[in-house]
């Protein structure tokens, strides 16, 4: 699977990241995305997300940082995500590596992320408003939501972070 590096010197944590092209193929061959099932669209309607966003006194937006990289790939499936890695500067020595996390840009990534997010319903009793926010205000890995007070917004934010940081997710 081909990849290239993207350099962002303005980033303090990850100045270089690899971007894999799941749609690339040799002429006449199929790409990785051609073999993957897309899965159903589990995202809420973007119009619904934006309309609900307008009913709050205070609004906030967020992004689940590196959302797709949080999702592990089953060990048996990792062999399908192999790539060559150059081990020296001269470009003549390579090793075969494989991904163990979901790739941004793979056809099934949006479905996998939403399926994992739907799993948070088990936190409904403890964090009802946070679960509602993740269910109804999250589109891909971004969300737009609101609250009536600053304290409520901070509480929602802390609850969502707690859910997403859970090892059970």
Foldseek 3Di string as FASTA:
>chain_A
DDWDWDAQPVDDPDRIDIADAQQDDDVPDGGNLVVDDLDDQQADPPVQLVVQLPPEPFKDKDFDPPLQQVAFDPPVCQVSAKDWDQPDPVRPDTDIDTDGTGHPNRSHSQVVSLVVLLVLCVCCVVQVVLNCQSNHAADRGMGMHHHHDPVVVVVSVVVNVVSVPDPVD
